[in-house]
N, C-alpha and C. Protein backbone atom coordinates (compact mmCIF):
# COMPACT_ATOMS: atom_id res chain seq x y z
N MET A 1 29.48 26.32 -1.36
CA MET A 1 30.41 26.11 -0.17
C MET A 1 31.65 25.34 -0.70
N GLN A 2 32.75 25.90 -0.23
CA GLN A 2 34.00 25.38 -0.74
C GLN A 2 34.33 24.21 0.05
N GLU A 3 35.30 23.35 -0.46
CA GLU A 3 35.73 22.14 0.20
C GLU A 3 36.13 22.23 1.48
N GLN A 4 37.04 23.10 1.91
CA GLN A 4 37.63 23.15 3.28
C GLN A 4 36.37 23.48 4.30
N PRO A 5 35.62 24.45 3.96
CA PRO A 5 34.50 24.84 5.00
C PRO A 5 33.51 23.68 5.10
N PHE A 6 33.26 23.08 3.99
CA PHE A 6 32.30 21.91 3.83
C PHE A 6 32.96 20.76 4.79
N THR A 7 34.26 20.51 4.70
CA THR A 7 34.78 19.44 5.37
C THR A 7 34.80 19.67 6.93
N GLN A 8 35.16 20.89 7.30
CA GLN A 8 35.03 21.39 8.67
C GLN A 8 33.59 21.27 9.29
N THR A 9 32.62 21.76 8.50
CA THR A 9 31.24 21.66 8.91
C THR A 9 30.90 20.18 9.05
N ALA A 10 31.06 19.42 8.08
CA ALA A 10 30.73 17.92 8.09
C ALA A 10 31.36 17.32 9.34
N THR A 11 32.70 17.58 9.55
CA THR A 11 33.33 16.98 10.77
C THR A 11 32.76 17.41 11.99
N ARG A 12 32.36 18.67 12.18
CA ARG A 12 31.77 19.20 13.42
C ARG A 12 30.35 18.67 13.60
N LEU A 13 29.55 18.55 12.57
CA LEU A 13 28.09 18.23 12.66
C LEU A 13 27.84 16.66 12.70
N ARG A 14 28.84 15.90 12.25
CA ARG A 14 28.58 14.43 12.06
C ARG A 14 28.10 13.85 13.39
N PRO A 15 28.60 14.10 14.49
CA PRO A 15 28.03 13.47 15.76
C PRO A 15 26.55 13.83 15.92
N ARG A 16 26.22 15.10 15.72
CA ARG A 16 24.81 15.55 15.83
C ARG A 16 23.95 14.88 14.86
N LEU A 17 24.47 14.82 13.65
CA LEU A 17 23.54 14.15 12.51
C LEU A 17 23.41 12.67 12.86
N MET A 18 24.53 12.08 13.32
CA MET A 18 24.37 10.62 13.64
C MET A 18 23.34 10.42 14.75
N ALA A 19 23.29 11.26 15.81
CA ALA A 19 22.37 11.19 16.83
C ALA A 19 20.94 11.35 16.34
N LEU A 20 20.74 12.23 15.47
CA LEU A 20 19.47 12.62 14.91
C LEU A 20 19.01 11.36 14.15
N ALA A 21 19.86 10.87 13.26
CA ALA A 21 19.45 9.75 12.41
C ALA A 21 19.27 8.49 13.17
N ARG A 22 20.02 8.28 14.20
CA ARG A 22 19.97 7.04 15.05
C ARG A 22 18.75 7.12 15.94
N SER A 23 18.24 8.29 16.22
CA SER A 23 17.02 8.40 17.00
C SER A 23 15.80 8.12 16.23
N ILE A 24 15.79 8.38 14.92
CA ILE A 24 14.73 8.05 14.14
C ILE A 24 14.82 6.59 13.63
N LEU A 25 15.96 6.04 13.25
CA LEU A 25 16.18 4.77 12.50
C LEU A 25 16.39 3.76 13.54
N ARG A 26 17.02 4.06 14.67
CA ARG A 26 17.39 3.02 15.66
C ARG A 26 18.25 1.87 15.08
N ASN A 27 19.11 2.32 14.26
CA ASN A 27 20.03 1.36 13.59
C ASN A 27 21.29 2.10 13.13
N ASP A 28 22.47 1.78 13.67
CA ASP A 28 23.69 2.50 13.45
C ASP A 28 24.09 2.48 11.89
N GLU A 29 24.01 1.38 11.21
CA GLU A 29 24.20 1.33 9.89
C GLU A 29 23.42 2.14 8.97
N GLU A 30 22.00 2.12 9.20
CA GLU A 30 21.19 2.90 8.46
C GLU A 30 21.32 4.33 8.74
N ALA A 31 21.62 4.68 10.02
CA ALA A 31 21.93 6.06 10.46
C ALA A 31 23.08 6.73 9.66
N ALA A 32 24.12 5.73 9.66
CA ALA A 32 25.40 6.26 8.97
C ALA A 32 25.06 6.51 7.39
N ASP A 33 24.29 5.60 6.88
CA ASP A 33 23.85 5.79 5.47
C ASP A 33 23.11 7.08 5.25
N ALA A 34 22.19 7.37 6.17
CA ALA A 34 21.32 8.63 6.10
C ALA A 34 22.27 9.84 6.26
N VAL A 35 23.17 9.71 7.16
CA VAL A 35 24.13 10.93 7.32
C VAL A 35 24.83 11.12 6.09
N GLN A 36 25.41 10.04 5.53
CA GLN A 36 26.27 10.11 4.29
C GLN A 36 25.45 10.69 3.23
N ASP A 37 24.13 10.27 3.05
CA ASP A 37 23.21 10.76 2.02
C ASP A 37 23.08 12.21 2.14
N ALA A 38 22.77 12.68 3.43
CA ALA A 38 22.54 14.12 3.63
C ALA A 38 23.78 14.88 3.40
N LEU A 39 25.08 14.46 3.73
CA LEU A 39 26.08 15.23 3.44
C LEU A 39 26.41 15.36 1.93
N VAL A 40 26.19 14.21 1.25
CA VAL A 40 26.22 14.30 -0.32
C VAL A 40 25.39 15.31 -0.82
N LEU A 41 24.07 15.42 -0.43
CA LEU A 41 23.12 16.32 -0.90
C LEU A 41 23.56 17.66 -0.55
N LEU A 42 24.12 17.93 0.64
CA LEU A 42 24.65 19.21 1.10
C LEU A 42 25.73 19.66 0.03
N TRP A 43 26.61 18.70 -0.21
CA TRP A 43 27.75 19.15 -1.07
C TRP A 43 27.31 19.50 -2.43
N ARG A 44 26.21 18.80 -2.96
CA ARG A 44 25.64 18.99 -4.33
C ARG A 44 24.99 20.37 -4.31
N MET A 45 24.67 20.82 -3.25
CA MET A 45 23.94 22.22 -3.22
C MET A 45 24.92 23.26 -3.58
N GLY A 46 26.24 22.99 -3.29
CA GLY A 46 27.32 23.91 -3.72
C GLY A 46 27.21 25.31 -3.06
N GLU A 47 27.22 26.30 -4.04
CA GLU A 47 27.29 27.65 -3.62
C GLU A 47 25.86 28.13 -3.17
N ARG A 48 24.87 27.36 -3.33
CA ARG A 48 23.51 27.77 -2.73
C ARG A 48 23.57 27.95 -1.22
N VAL A 49 24.50 27.19 -0.57
CA VAL A 49 24.61 27.26 0.85
C VAL A 49 25.93 28.15 1.20
N GLN A 50 25.74 29.20 1.76
CA GLN A 50 26.98 30.18 1.92
C GLN A 50 27.61 30.07 3.19
N THR A 51 26.85 30.06 4.34
CA THR A 51 27.50 30.00 5.72
C THR A 51 27.35 28.78 6.38
N ALA A 52 28.22 28.66 7.33
CA ALA A 52 28.17 27.35 8.15
C ALA A 52 26.91 27.11 8.97
N ASP A 53 26.35 28.31 9.40
CA ASP A 53 24.99 28.26 10.04
C ASP A 53 23.98 27.76 9.10
N GLU A 54 23.97 28.27 7.97
CA GLU A 54 22.94 27.87 6.91
C GLU A 54 23.16 26.30 6.55
N ALA A 55 24.34 25.97 6.42
CA ALA A 55 24.73 24.61 6.07
C ALA A 55 24.27 23.63 7.25
N GLU A 56 24.52 24.12 8.54
CA GLU A 56 23.90 23.30 9.63
C GLU A 56 22.42 23.14 9.66
N ARG A 57 21.60 24.21 9.39
CA ARG A 57 20.21 24.18 9.26
C ARG A 57 19.73 23.18 8.21
N VAL A 58 20.41 23.37 6.96
CA VAL A 58 20.00 22.64 5.84
C VAL A 58 20.29 21.10 6.08
N VAL A 59 21.53 20.83 6.41
CA VAL A 59 21.93 19.41 6.55
C VAL A 59 21.15 18.74 7.78
N MET A 60 20.74 19.43 8.75
CA MET A 60 19.91 18.75 9.87
C MET A 60 18.50 18.43 9.23
N ARG A 61 17.91 19.33 8.38
CA ARG A 61 16.76 19.05 7.83
C ARG A 61 16.74 17.97 6.93
N ILE A 62 17.86 17.94 6.11
CA ILE A 62 17.98 16.82 5.13
C ILE A 62 18.20 15.50 5.83
N THR A 63 19.07 15.47 6.88
CA THR A 63 19.27 14.21 7.69
C THR A 63 17.98 13.71 8.20
N ARG A 64 17.10 14.65 8.76
CA ARG A 64 15.82 14.18 9.23
C ARG A 64 14.91 13.65 8.09
N ASN A 65 14.87 14.35 7.02
CA ASN A 65 13.97 13.83 5.91
C ASN A 65 14.49 12.48 5.36
N VAL A 66 15.84 12.38 5.16
CA VAL A 66 16.39 11.15 4.71
C VAL A 66 16.11 10.00 5.64
N SER A 67 16.25 10.28 6.91
CA SER A 67 16.04 9.24 7.85
C SER A 67 14.54 8.84 7.95
N LEU A 68 13.57 9.72 7.85
CA LEU A 68 12.22 9.46 7.92
C LEU A 68 11.81 8.62 6.51
N ASN A 69 12.43 9.06 5.47
CA ASN A 69 12.20 8.29 4.27
C ASN A 69 12.66 6.84 4.32
N LYS A 70 13.81 6.72 4.93
CA LYS A 70 14.33 5.31 5.17
C LYS A 70 13.39 4.41 6.10
N GLN A 71 12.98 5.27 7.08
CA GLN A 71 12.03 4.43 8.05
C GLN A 71 10.76 4.06 7.36
N LYS A 72 10.12 4.90 6.57
CA LYS A 72 8.99 4.66 5.81
C LYS A 72 9.16 3.47 4.88
N ARG A 73 10.34 3.51 4.21
CA ARG A 73 10.67 2.36 3.24
C ARG A 73 10.71 1.05 4.02
N ARG A 74 11.31 1.13 5.16
CA ARG A 74 11.44 -0.13 5.87
C ARG A 74 10.00 -0.62 6.34
N ARG A 75 9.07 0.22 6.65
CA ARG A 75 7.73 -0.14 6.98
C ARG A 75 6.93 -0.69 5.89
N LEU A 76 7.36 -0.30 4.56
CA LEU A 76 6.63 -0.57 3.48
C LEU A 76 7.02 -1.92 2.92
N GLN A 77 8.20 -2.51 3.46
CA GLN A 77 8.57 -3.75 2.91
C GLN A 77 7.66 -4.67 3.20
N THR A 78 7.18 -5.56 2.24
CA THR A 78 6.14 -6.55 2.44
C THR A 78 6.74 -8.05 2.71
N THR A 79 5.81 -8.73 3.36
CA THR A 79 6.13 -10.12 3.68
C THR A 79 5.56 -11.02 2.69
N PRO A 80 6.34 -12.03 1.95
CA PRO A 80 5.64 -12.77 1.12
C PRO A 80 4.61 -13.62 1.74
N LEU A 81 3.53 -13.83 1.06
CA LEU A 81 2.35 -14.67 1.54
C LEU A 81 2.75 -15.98 2.09
N GLU A 82 3.75 -16.56 1.34
CA GLU A 82 4.11 -18.00 1.66
C GLU A 82 4.70 -18.01 3.09
N SER A 83 5.31 -16.87 3.52
CA SER A 83 6.01 -16.96 4.80
C SER A 83 5.08 -16.73 6.05
N ILE A 84 3.78 -16.40 5.75
CA ILE A 84 2.82 -16.22 6.94
C ILE A 84 2.17 -17.62 7.04
N ALA A 85 2.18 -17.93 8.39
CA ALA A 85 1.49 -19.13 8.75
C ALA A 85 0.09 -19.15 8.34
N THR A 86 -0.46 -20.25 7.92
CA THR A 86 -1.81 -20.35 7.49
C THR A 86 -2.85 -20.19 8.59
N ASP A 87 -2.50 -20.37 9.90
CA ASP A 87 -3.38 -20.14 10.95
C ASP A 87 -3.56 -18.68 11.21
N ALA A 88 -2.55 -17.78 10.71
CA ALA A 88 -2.64 -16.40 10.89
C ALA A 88 -3.54 -15.72 9.89
N LEU A 89 -3.85 -16.32 8.80
CA LEU A 89 -4.62 -15.68 7.80
C LEU A 89 -5.93 -15.32 8.27
N PRO A 90 -6.74 -16.14 8.91
CA PRO A 90 -8.06 -15.70 9.34
C PRO A 90 -7.99 -14.42 10.19
N ALA A 91 -7.09 -14.21 11.08
CA ALA A 91 -6.82 -13.02 11.83
C ALA A 91 -6.68 -11.82 11.02
N LEU A 92 -5.87 -12.05 9.94
CA LEU A 92 -5.51 -10.93 9.07
C LEU A 92 -6.76 -10.51 8.23
N THR A 93 -7.56 -11.35 7.93
CA THR A 93 -8.76 -11.01 7.04
C THR A 93 -10.00 -10.75 7.89
N ALA A 94 -10.01 -10.94 9.19
CA ALA A 94 -11.13 -10.66 10.04
C ALA A 94 -11.66 -9.33 9.96
N ARG A 95 -10.85 -8.34 9.85
CA ARG A 95 -11.36 -6.97 9.86
C ARG A 95 -12.20 -6.76 8.52
N GLN A 96 -11.97 -7.51 7.50
CA GLN A 96 -12.65 -7.20 6.22
C GLN A 96 -13.95 -7.94 6.09
N GLN A 97 -14.31 -8.72 7.02
CA GLN A 97 -15.36 -9.56 6.98
C GLN A 97 -16.81 -8.81 7.09
N ASN A 98 -16.82 -7.67 7.81
CA ASN A 98 -18.00 -7.01 7.98
C ASN A 98 -17.96 -5.63 7.22
N PRO A 99 -18.68 -5.53 6.11
CA PRO A 99 -18.58 -4.26 5.40
C PRO A 99 -19.03 -3.10 6.04
N GLN A 100 -20.21 -3.22 6.89
CA GLN A 100 -20.63 -2.15 7.68
C GLN A 100 -19.58 -1.46 8.58
N GLU A 101 -18.93 -2.33 9.21
CA GLU A 101 -17.81 -1.86 10.28
C GLU A 101 -16.76 -1.18 9.41
N ALA A 102 -16.35 -1.81 8.28
CA ALA A 102 -15.33 -1.28 7.48
C ALA A 102 -15.76 0.17 7.02
N MET A 103 -16.98 0.40 6.67
CA MET A 103 -17.40 1.77 6.22
C MET A 103 -17.35 2.69 7.42
N GLU A 104 -17.87 2.17 8.56
CA GLU A 104 -17.76 3.14 9.75
C GLU A 104 -16.41 3.52 10.11
N ARG A 105 -15.48 2.56 10.06
CA ARG A 105 -14.08 2.75 10.38
C ARG A 105 -13.48 3.80 9.38
N GLN A 106 -13.71 3.63 8.06
CA GLN A 106 -13.29 4.51 7.02
C GLN A 106 -13.81 5.93 7.18
N GLU A 107 -14.99 6.10 7.58
CA GLU A 107 -15.60 7.42 7.82
C GLU A 107 -14.94 8.06 9.03
N ARG A 108 -14.79 7.26 10.17
CA ARG A 108 -14.24 7.77 11.28
C ARG A 108 -12.71 8.21 11.02
N GLU A 109 -12.00 7.49 10.14
CA GLU A 109 -10.62 7.89 9.77
C GLU A 109 -10.60 9.14 8.99
N ARG A 110 -11.62 9.34 8.05
CA ARG A 110 -11.75 10.48 7.26
C ARG A 110 -12.05 11.71 8.15
N SER A 111 -12.90 11.49 9.13
CA SER A 111 -13.34 12.66 9.98
C SER A 111 -12.05 13.09 10.85
N ILE A 112 -11.33 12.05 11.33
CA ILE A 112 -10.12 12.42 12.09
C ILE A 112 -9.10 13.15 11.15
N ASP A 113 -8.90 12.59 9.91
CA ASP A 113 -7.97 13.19 9.01
C ASP A 113 -8.38 14.67 8.80
N ARG A 114 -9.66 15.00 8.44
CA ARG A 114 -10.13 16.33 8.21
C ARG A 114 -9.85 17.14 9.42
N ALA A 115 -10.11 16.69 10.64
CA ALA A 115 -9.84 17.33 11.86
C ALA A 115 -8.40 17.74 12.03
N ILE A 116 -7.55 16.71 11.81
CA ILE A 116 -6.06 16.96 11.88
C ILE A 116 -5.68 18.15 11.02
N HIS A 117 -6.20 18.16 9.77
CA HIS A 117 -5.68 19.23 8.79
C HIS A 117 -6.26 20.56 9.20
N GLN A 118 -7.17 20.67 10.18
CA GLN A 118 -7.60 22.07 10.58
C GLN A 118 -6.73 22.57 11.70
N LEU A 119 -5.95 21.69 12.29
CA LEU A 119 -5.04 22.04 13.43
C LEU A 119 -3.83 23.02 12.81
N PRO A 120 -3.25 23.86 13.67
CA PRO A 120 -2.11 24.57 13.29
C PRO A 120 -0.94 23.74 12.94
N THR A 121 -0.01 24.19 12.14
CA THR A 121 1.05 23.35 11.57
C THR A 121 1.88 22.62 12.67
N ALA A 122 2.23 23.25 13.75
CA ALA A 122 3.07 22.72 14.79
C ALA A 122 2.31 21.60 15.45
N GLN A 123 1.05 21.72 15.60
CA GLN A 123 0.18 20.60 16.27
C GLN A 123 0.02 19.48 15.21
N GLN A 124 -0.11 19.78 13.91
CA GLN A 124 -0.25 18.75 13.05
C GLN A 124 0.99 17.98 12.97
N ALA A 125 2.18 18.66 13.05
CA ALA A 125 3.47 17.91 13.07
C ALA A 125 3.65 16.94 14.23
N ALA A 126 3.16 17.52 15.38
CA ALA A 126 3.37 16.66 16.69
C ALA A 126 2.48 15.48 16.53
N ILE A 127 1.22 15.58 16.08
CA ILE A 127 0.42 14.37 15.92
C ILE A 127 0.94 13.45 14.84
N PHE A 128 1.18 13.93 13.71
CA PHE A 128 1.80 12.94 12.73
C PHE A 128 3.02 12.27 13.13
N LEU A 129 3.96 13.05 13.72
CA LEU A 129 5.20 12.37 14.08
C LEU A 129 5.12 11.46 15.10
N HIS A 130 4.24 11.72 16.10
CA HIS A 130 4.11 10.82 17.35
C HIS A 130 3.22 9.60 17.02
N TYR A 131 2.01 9.96 16.62
CA TYR A 131 0.98 8.94 16.46
C TYR A 131 1.09 8.13 15.10
N MET A 132 1.58 8.62 14.01
CA MET A 132 1.54 7.95 12.75
C MET A 132 2.99 7.53 12.39
N ASP A 133 3.97 8.31 12.69
CA ASP A 133 5.44 7.89 12.44
C ASP A 133 6.00 7.07 13.61
N GLY A 134 5.36 7.12 14.73
CA GLY A 134 5.76 6.28 15.96
C GLY A 134 7.02 6.93 16.52
N LEU A 135 7.29 8.16 16.43
CA LEU A 135 8.49 8.81 17.08
C LEU A 135 8.05 9.11 18.64
N THR A 136 9.08 9.10 19.45
CA THR A 136 8.85 9.66 20.81
C THR A 136 8.91 11.02 20.85
N TYR A 137 8.40 11.69 21.98
CA TYR A 137 8.45 13.08 22.09
C TYR A 137 9.89 13.54 22.20
N GLY A 138 10.86 12.75 22.72
CA GLY A 138 12.14 13.20 22.65
C GLY A 138 12.84 13.21 21.20
N GLN A 139 12.38 12.39 20.35
CA GLN A 139 12.85 12.44 18.96
C GLN A 139 12.27 13.61 18.33
N ILE A 140 11.02 13.81 18.51
CA ILE A 140 10.37 14.91 17.88
C ILE A 140 11.07 16.14 18.38
N ALA A 141 11.37 16.30 19.59
CA ALA A 141 12.06 17.59 20.12
C ALA A 141 13.41 17.65 19.54
N ALA A 142 14.16 16.54 19.30
CA ALA A 142 15.45 16.73 18.62
C ALA A 142 15.30 17.13 17.20
N ILE A 143 14.29 16.58 16.45
CA ILE A 143 14.09 17.07 15.08
C ILE A 143 13.71 18.50 15.00
N ARG A 144 12.84 18.93 15.94
CA ARG A 144 12.34 20.37 15.78
C ARG A 144 13.11 21.27 16.52
N GLY A 145 14.29 20.92 17.14
CA GLY A 145 15.08 21.81 17.92
C GLY A 145 14.41 22.42 19.08
N SER A 146 13.62 21.63 19.73
CA SER A 146 12.71 22.09 20.95
C SER A 146 12.99 21.11 22.14
N THR A 147 12.13 21.34 23.19
CA THR A 147 12.26 20.51 24.30
C THR A 147 11.34 19.46 24.33
N GLU A 148 11.40 18.43 25.08
CA GLU A 148 10.55 17.34 25.10
C GLU A 148 9.18 17.89 25.71
N ALA A 149 9.41 18.73 26.72
CA ALA A 149 8.15 19.28 27.51
C ALA A 149 7.33 20.23 26.55
N ALA A 150 8.02 20.93 25.76
CA ALA A 150 7.34 21.78 24.73
C ALA A 150 6.56 20.89 23.67
N VAL A 151 7.26 19.84 23.10
CA VAL A 151 6.47 18.90 22.25
C VAL A 151 5.30 18.30 22.94
N ARG A 152 5.49 17.89 24.23
CA ARG A 152 4.31 17.18 24.89
C ARG A 152 3.22 18.15 25.08
N MET A 153 3.44 19.42 25.39
CA MET A 153 2.45 20.47 25.52
C MET A 153 1.78 20.66 24.15
N THR A 154 2.44 20.81 23.05
CA THR A 154 2.02 20.94 21.68
C THR A 154 0.97 19.66 21.36
N ALA A 155 1.46 18.52 21.71
CA ALA A 155 0.59 17.33 21.42
C ALA A 155 -0.67 17.38 22.25
N ALA A 156 -0.56 17.77 23.46
CA ALA A 156 -1.70 17.87 24.36
C ALA A 156 -2.68 18.88 23.94
N ARG A 157 -2.21 19.99 23.44
CA ARG A 157 -3.15 21.06 22.90
C ARG A 157 -3.86 20.62 21.57
N ALA A 158 -2.95 19.84 20.85
CA ALA A 158 -3.49 19.28 19.59
C ALA A 158 -4.67 18.25 19.80
N LYS A 159 -4.44 17.38 20.90
CA LYS A 159 -5.56 16.52 21.24
C LYS A 159 -6.82 17.18 21.66
N GLU A 160 -6.49 18.14 22.58
CA GLU A 160 -7.79 19.04 23.01
C GLU A 160 -8.54 19.66 21.84
N HIS A 161 -7.72 20.23 21.04
CA HIS A 161 -8.28 20.92 19.80
C HIS A 161 -9.06 19.89 18.88
N LEU A 162 -8.45 18.72 18.63
CA LEU A 162 -9.08 17.69 17.87
C LEU A 162 -10.41 17.15 18.55
N ILE A 163 -10.47 17.12 19.90
CA ILE A 163 -11.68 16.75 20.62
C ILE A 163 -12.77 17.69 20.34
N LYS A 164 -12.37 19.08 20.41
CA LYS A 164 -13.43 20.09 20.20
C LYS A 164 -13.93 20.04 18.71
N ILE A 165 -12.98 19.78 17.74
CA ILE A 165 -13.35 19.80 16.31
C ILE A 165 -14.24 18.53 16.03
N LEU A 166 -13.91 17.52 16.69
CA LEU A 166 -14.70 16.21 16.31
C LEU A 166 -16.03 16.18 17.01
N LYS A 167 -16.27 17.03 18.11
CA LYS A 167 -17.51 17.07 18.70
C LYS A 167 -18.47 17.90 17.94
N GLN A 168 -18.01 18.83 17.14
CA GLN A 168 -19.00 19.73 16.38
C GLN A 168 -19.70 19.02 15.40
């Protein structure tokens, strides 16, 4: 993609990219960083992206992925042990006191994970994005280029399908 078409495409898409990144990150500064990163990656793709429509699809996907990665990194930031009040430590370790319950919980989680991976791709995406990444149905709809009602329906079908799989 040449400089002038790139500039026109970036200018035209920046508000939509910001809205997408902001819906995921809920922070204007991080959203602006994500959009900037996405546009840099698009520019680096150079001639592999030929048309404005192709550039739009690619940069929307890149923005979504960059935003989700930033969100995951934010969740993974740890709190130093010294900053946790000592009266909170028993509550943090209470889950680990009963090995039998821990094993049952792990087996239940493995069963659910296996069941989720049996779902169709669209249903897996709805489950992962909503329940594991914490996105709203509206945010998922914006990412997938769909309506909120369609995403809700997909998630409902996924839950029904999961129940059937887990009962087997």
